[in-house]
Structures are given as C-alpha cells and as structure tokens.
Amino acid sequence: MSQQMQLPELGVIGLARYLWRQLTSMRTALILLLLMGIAAIPGSLIPQRLTNPIAVREFYISDPDTARLYDRFYLFDVFGSPWFSAIYILLFISLIGCVLPRTVEHFKAMRAQPPATPKNLERMEHHQGFAKNSDALTLAEAWFKKNRFRIRNEGTSISAEKGFIRESGNLLFHLSLILILIGVGFGSLFGMRGEAIINVGERFINVATSYDTLAFGRLSNEKKLQGFEIKLDRFEAEYNTITGAPKEYSAFVTVVEDGISTKRVIQVNEPLTFGNTRVYLQANGYSPVVTVRDAAGNVALQGPVPFLPQDGNLRSIGAIKVPDAEPQLGFVASFLPTQDRVAGEAATSLFPELLDPKMLFAIWKGDLGLDSGVPQSIYRIDTEKLERIGLGSIVPGETYSYPEGSITLETVVPWVNLQMVEDPGKQYALIGGIFAIAGLLASLYGKRRRIWVRVVGEKVEIAGLSKNDAPGLDIEIAEIVKTIKGEK
C-alpha cells in the first residue's frame, strides 16, 4: 500500500509571499478597479452627508429604517467609508506591485541585445530564401537602421528587433493610473471645496463662516484658507432672444488680496486664482429684495432673499422666513422674471431677463422650526404645522397688506453662486490622464516584431516573427528582400 504524499506546510513567510503575488497580479488589479467603479455607484445614487446633509435628513424622516441600514454600511458617506478606502488602497498597492517590477524588467529588455538568430528559420513566419548577394548583410543592416530596428550582428547573420513602444505604452498606461490615484488621494486629503451665494453689492470674505457649504480634506482645515475677499459689483447675462438660451455670463467683481484692490471679471471656465484656490462662476439667479413689517409697522425682515431657478427662463421658487415676527411668518413664493399667466394654468416665465418681474406667494404663520437645531433648506418651508393666512402677488415697488402686517417688493437683484475649489492633486491627475491616453494609443498601435537575415553558403535566408500578431510583417519582409536583391 503506497504511502500518501505529504505536502510541506506553507509557513508564515510562504503564505505572505503567496498573498503578495496574488495581490500584485494584473488580474487582481483589474478586479479591484472594477470593484472601485461599482463601489462608487451608491455615492451617485444616494445623497451624501458631506455634500447634501438636508437630503440625508429628509431621507431619515421619510424612511428611518432604511436610512439606519444605509448608515450602518456608510452609504451616506461612501467615499469616506472604510470599505471604499480599503478598495482604493488595495488597488494602489496592487498596481505598484504589479507594474514597477514589470517596468524594471522592460527597461532591462530594452537595453539588451536582440535574441540570437534561431537555427531553423524555416519554422518562422514569412520565411524566404534566395541566391546570395555579395553585400546582403550590409544592405540588410542599413535597412534595419533606417527603419529603427535594434540590431545584433553575428557575422553571418543579423538579428533585428523593434516595437518595444507597445509594451512601453502598456506600462505607461498603468503607471499613469497610479499617478491618477495619487492625485485623487492627495486632493481628498489636502483639498477643499465650498460654495457661496452672493447678491450684487455684497462681499464675500474667505473664512469658513462665509460659506453656504464647505468641505475640507481629511488633513485640511479652515486655517489653510487663502486670504482674499470678493465684492460682486454687477452681473451681466446675455441670452438668445429667440430661444432664451444663455450666451454669456460675466460677474464683475472687486478683489482684495494682500491689501491690494483690483477689478476682475469671472466668466464660465475663466475662474479667479488665489494661490492654489480657484473661484468658479457656477450658477446664477434672482433675489427679490423685500421688506416685511408687522401689524404695528415695525420692520421684521429687510433684504435680498435668493430664489432657486427651476427652468431655463429662471422661473424660481423661494422661501421668505420671518422668525422675528409675532407670530412667526413664512412666505412660500415663486418669482417670474418675465411673467406670463394664462387663465387656468400655472404662472410661468417667458424669458430669463427682468423684463416684467412678478412675485407670487402664500403666507403662512406658526412655528417655523428654526430653533429646533435641525438644518433646513433656505428655499422651502415645511407647512405641515402652519396655518395659511393669505395669497398674493406683487411687482417691484408694490406692497401687499394682510392682518398680521405687510410685505413690499423693493427691487430685484441678481445673485451668483461661486464655487471655491482647492485641489492640490489635480495636476497629478491631469498629467496622469494625458500619459494614460498616450500609453493606451502606443499599446494599441505599436507593432512588436523580430526579423532575421542569415547567409548560409550561397543562400540568403530571411524570416520574421510578429510578437502580437500585428499586421504588416509580410510587407516589411518584402521590402527588405527587395533591398537585398537591389530591386526597386
């Protein structure tokens, strides 16, 4: 009875070596890349706490059980979750462990001489044999040099090789992916992204309290904000008179940096730059300037209130909240830059410019819930526990009165939404993207091939080998044959 073969134990070092080889294989890197793409899907479908905390709160209110389940698996913070970070880090390690050794070996292969001429050229592709020419090898060597082949002259034979650009492109592509990952990671650690709505005539100072939304990288904070301020002097928008489509947006601002004041213009895709921070013109709309008075005639609220555009003609909705009134008041309003209302249909705007502006509203009274500590949207009011006390509409310069007071639409001013972005890793990501495209093109169109020419007695033999089955080897063989034979 034969004895059963005993396999040696793998051991800790052997197990570690095995796991490392599995992790740094190209197959694993591709799987991790696919997993990262799949893992990013919930981040685009589910509201994220960092960018939209109000939507997350509303999710909790509408479906608390599902929200708690989502929170348990970090689905409201996908890109900061442990499982997404684990995939990202493993992919980074896998690519480095896979690509760097291949790069070293490829560099050595590029510097090495082409392989020696095989003994049996008859087995190679496109083998040809013909009568010896006295300077066959000299003509062949000249042709190889002209066509950028690396040459190994063995006296009676020449071994030539070219096409390393294909493998170089493949490695460049994967090295570029590493650079892109470095750029993305660097930006998520040290970057900053914030937004602020500014009405014409208002000033923005780059401190944390001036932002409507602000998110820092893991290793960044408000102490690293650039010191500058921006005053919005005026905003000009040009629209197509037929379609209403925007043609050009321009925000004319006064910038103060290091005590120096300058006039600047922000346009779409033409941001302001302050060190590593860029300021983009992202959106625009209108802010009705209102004065709300109580029953005694005292001013309870005065100033511009930003409204949120709903379509291309800037029909906008907004909420005017008056917590200082007694009782508290809220106006659920709609603003029309160029009003048009057909009997029996909802009011709409015909054009995005202020040609015939009008504000329509419903007045509600009761506790607005502003002291509850729960964040609210500045554009909406929860009217479930409020009492409606009136409906009305006004144009600039007009006042609407009701038993609890009055509201006056003084004028309307444009607002712009400025996005402040500091992404120190974007240069790396951009360079990585450019190199990745270049590497991909090189790997797709590079042709790796070897050609041998040997003189045996009174006969010349030629054969070749295409390393990636790329077409064109037969044409090159025919050309070198014609060169050696002296044919045109």
Foldseek 3Di string as FASTA:
>chain_A
DDDDDDDDDCDPVSVVVVVLVVLQAPVNLVVLVVVLVVLCVLVVVPAACQPCVPSLVVVCVVPVVVSVVCVVQCSNPSCPGPVSVVSLVSSLSNLCSHQVVVVVVLVVVVPDAADDDDPDQVVFPPKDKDFFDPCLVVLLVVVLVVVVWRWDDPPQKIKTWDQSLQVVLVSLLSVLVSLLSVLVLQQLAAKKKFKAKDFAFDKAWQAPVRTPHIDGHNNYDRVPTAGKMKHFHAKDWDADPPPQHTDWIKTWIWMAHPNDIDIDIATAVRWDDDPLKTKHFDDKAKWFFKWWAFLVRHTQDTGTQDFDADDSLRFTWAKDWRVSAVFTKIKGKIKELAWDDDPPDDIYHDHNHNPDIKMKTWMKTDDQCPPVPDDDDRGDTDCPPIDTQDIDMDGAPDKDAGNGTIMHRPDMTMMTMMMMIRRVSVVSSVVSVVSSVVSVVSNVPGWIKMKMWGDDPRMIMIHMHTPPPDPDPSVVSVVSVCSSVVHD
